[in-house]
C-alpha atoms as a PDB file:
ATOM      1  CA  MET A   1    -171.889-210.779 -66.384  1.00  0.00           C
ATOM      2  CA  ASN A   2    -174.172-213.710 -66.700  1.00  0.00           C
ATOM      3  CA  ARG A   3    -171.926-216.668 -67.245  1.00  0.00           C
ATOM      4  CA  THR A   4    -174.397-219.443 -66.137  1.00  0.00           C
ATOM      5  CA  GLY A   5    -175.238-220.933 -69.871  1.00  0.00           C
ATOM      6  CA  GLN A   6    -178.893-219.774 -69.132  1.00  0.00           C
ATOM      7  CA  PRO A   7    -181.111-216.712 -68.976  1.00  0.00           C
ATOM      8  CA  LEU A   8    -181.797-215.839 -65.287  1.00  0.00           C
ATOM      9  CA  LYS A   9    -184.961-213.669 -63.873  1.00  0.00           C
ATOM     10  CA  ASP A  10    -186.069-212.453 -60.343  1.00  0.00           C
ATOM     11  CA  LEU A  11    -182.354-211.944 -59.295  1.00  0.00           C
ATOM     12  CA  GLN A  12    -181.368-210.697 -55.475  1.00  0.00           C
ATOM     13  CA  PHE A  13    -178.087-210.054 -54.458  1.00  0.00           C
ATOM     14  CA  VAL A  14    -175.835-207.882 -52.091  1.00  0.00           C
ATOM     15  CA  LEU A  15    -173.790-205.112 -53.454  1.00  0.00           C
ATOM     16  CA  ASP A  16    -170.781-203.713 -52.014  1.00  0.00           C
ATOM     17  CA  PHE A  17    -169.119-200.735 -53.570  1.00  0.00           C
ATOM     18  CA  ALA A  18    -166.421-198.598 -52.423  1.00  0.00           C
ATOM     19  CA  ILE A  19    -164.150-195.787 -53.850  1.00  0.00           C
ATOM     20  CA  ASN A  20    -160.735-195.295 -52.599  1.00  0.00           C
ATOM     21  CA  ASP A  21    -161.832-197.806 -49.499  1.00  0.00           C
ATOM     22  CA  ALA A  22    -164.645-195.261 -48.750  1.00  0.00           C
ATOM     23  CA  LYS A  23    -168.108-197.346 -48.765  1.00  0.00           C
ATOM     24  CA  VAL A  24    -170.807-195.778 -51.089  1.00  0.00           C
ATOM     25  CA  TRP A  25    -173.053-198.894 -50.855  1.00  0.00           C
ATOM     26  CA  ASP A  26    -172.452-201.410 -48.024  1.00  0.00           C
ATOM     27  CA  ASN A  27    -174.676-204.715 -47.883  1.00  0.00           C
ATOM     28  CA  GLN A  28    -176.968-202.839 -50.497  1.00  0.00           C
ATOM     29  CA  LEU A  29    -179.744-205.511 -51.166  1.00  0.00           C
ATOM     30  CA  VAL A  30    -180.525-205.454 -54.981  1.00  0.00           C
ATOM     31  CA  TYR A  31    -183.607-206.823 -56.598  1.00  0.00           C
ATOM     32  CA  LEU A  32    -183.888-207.143 -60.487  1.00  0.00           C
ATOM     33  CA  GLU A  33    -187.447-208.662 -60.877  1.00  0.00           C
ATOM     34  CA  GLU A  34    -188.515-209.791 -64.260  1.00  0.00           C
ATOM     35  CA  ALA A  35    -191.473-207.714 -64.387  1.00  0.00           C
ATOM     36  CA  GLU A  36    -189.561-204.730 -64.474  1.00  0.00           C
ATOM     37  CA  PHE A  37    -186.121-205.780 -65.961  1.00  0.00           C
ATOM     38  CA  GLY A  38    -187.037-208.715 -67.911  1.00  0.00           C
ATOM     39  CA  GLN A  39    -184.603-211.995 -68.243  1.00  0.00           C
ATOM     40  CA  PHE A  40    -180.881-211.479 -67.736  1.00  0.00           C
ATOM     41  CA  PRO A  41    -179.471-213.042 -70.832  1.00  0.00           C
ATOM     42  CA  ASN A  42    -176.599-215.421 -70.967  1.00  0.00           C
ATOM     43  CA  GLU A  43    -173.221-213.938 -71.770  1.00  0.00           C
ATOM     44  CA  ALA A  44    -174.755-210.542 -70.906  1.00  0.00           C
ATOM     45  CA  ALA A  45    -174.170-207.428 -68.803  1.00  0.00           C
ATOM     46  CA  PHE A  46    -176.522-204.676 -68.057  1.00  0.00           C
ATOM     47  CA  PRO A  47    -176.762-201.480 -65.939  1.00  0.00           C
ATOM     48  CA  PHE A  48    -179.012-201.079 -63.246  1.00  0.00           C
ATOM     49  CA  PHE A  49    -179.521-197.782 -61.133  1.00  0.00           C
ATOM     50  CA  LEU A  50    -179.009-197.257 -57.312  1.00  0.00           C
ATOM     51  CA  GLN A  51    -180.450-194.420 -55.287  1.00  0.00           C
ATOM     52  CA  ALA A  52    -177.351-192.009 -54.718  1.00  0.00           C
ATOM     53  CA  THR A  53    -177.589-189.272 -51.772  1.00  0.00           C
ATOM     54  CA  PRO A  54    -176.557-186.000 -52.312  1.00  0.00           C
ATOM     55  CA  GLY A  55    -173.878-186.760 -49.569  1.00  0.00           C
ATOM     56  CA  MET A  56    -172.203-189.819 -52.084  1.00  0.00           C
ATOM     57  CA  GLU A  57    -171.729-187.341 -54.700  1.00  0.00           C
ATOM     58  CA  GLU A  58    -168.073-186.237 -53.707  1.00  0.00           C
ATOM     59  CA  THR A  59    -167.114-189.868 -53.303  1.00  0.00           C
ATOM     60  CA  LEU A  60    -168.543-190.818 -56.695  1.00  0.00           C
ATOM     61  CA  LYS A  61    -166.861-188.187 -58.481  1.00  0.00           C
ATOM     62  CA  ALA A  62    -163.637-189.352 -57.393  1.00  0.00           C
ATOM     63  CA  ALA A  63    -164.245-192.694 -59.281  1.00  0.00           C
ATOM     64  CA  GLU A  64    -161.643-193.820 -61.542  1.00  0.00           C
ATOM     65  CA  PRO A  65    -160.955-197.520 -62.868  1.00  0.00           C
ATOM     66  CA  GLY A  66    -158.015-198.099 -60.325  1.00  0.00           C
ATOM     67  CA  ASN A  67    -160.022-197.085 -57.301  1.00  0.00           C
ATOM     68  CA  ILE A  68    -163.228-198.941 -57.167  1.00  0.00           C
ATOM     69  CA  GLN A  69    -163.716-201.997 -55.266  1.00  0.00           C
ATOM     70  CA  ILE A  70    -167.104-203.800 -56.371  1.00  0.00           C
ATOM     71  CA  SER A  71    -168.385-207.104 -54.879  1.00  0.00           C
ATOM     72  CA  ILE A  72    -171.631-208.816 -55.510  1.00  0.00           C
ATOM     73  CA  SER A  73    -172.406-211.822 -53.145  1.00  0.00           C
ATOM     74  CA  ASP A  74    -175.515-213.970 -52.079  1.00  0.00           C
ATOM     75  CA  ILE A  75    -176.976-214.033 -55.649  1.00  0.00           C
ATOM     76  CA  GLN A  76    -180.311-215.662 -55.538  1.00  0.00           C
ATOM     77  CA  GLU A  77    -182.813-216.160 -58.530  1.00  0.00           C
ATOM     78  CA  GLY A  78    -186.344-216.521 -58.211  1.00  0.00           C
ATOM     79  CA  ILE A  79    -186.619-214.114 -55.471  1.00  0.00           C
ATOM     80  CA  THR A  80    -189.212-211.265 -55.725  1.00  0.00           C
ATOM     81  CA  THR A  81    -190.464-208.462 -53.643  1.00  0.00           C
ATOM     82  CA  GLY A  82    -193.576-208.875 -54.060  1.00  0.00           C
ATOM     83  CA  GLU A  83    -194.235-205.143 -54.715  1.00  0.00           C
END
């Protein structure tokens, strides 16, 4: 959720995502570049996609609102991958 008071673009952050304390994505670096995702409006949330391997499927199927742990850290704006 963007609550900065301004639109954001070219974001980079680290995502940790676990279900029942089983790490699914651990220190996953995520880039959301303006060229692909546009700007991230203020007071808005949006989905993005992460690659999931077949080995993650059983853990992901166990996801319920009470057993998901999500952490987003090291948020930076103005970062591009150069791709």
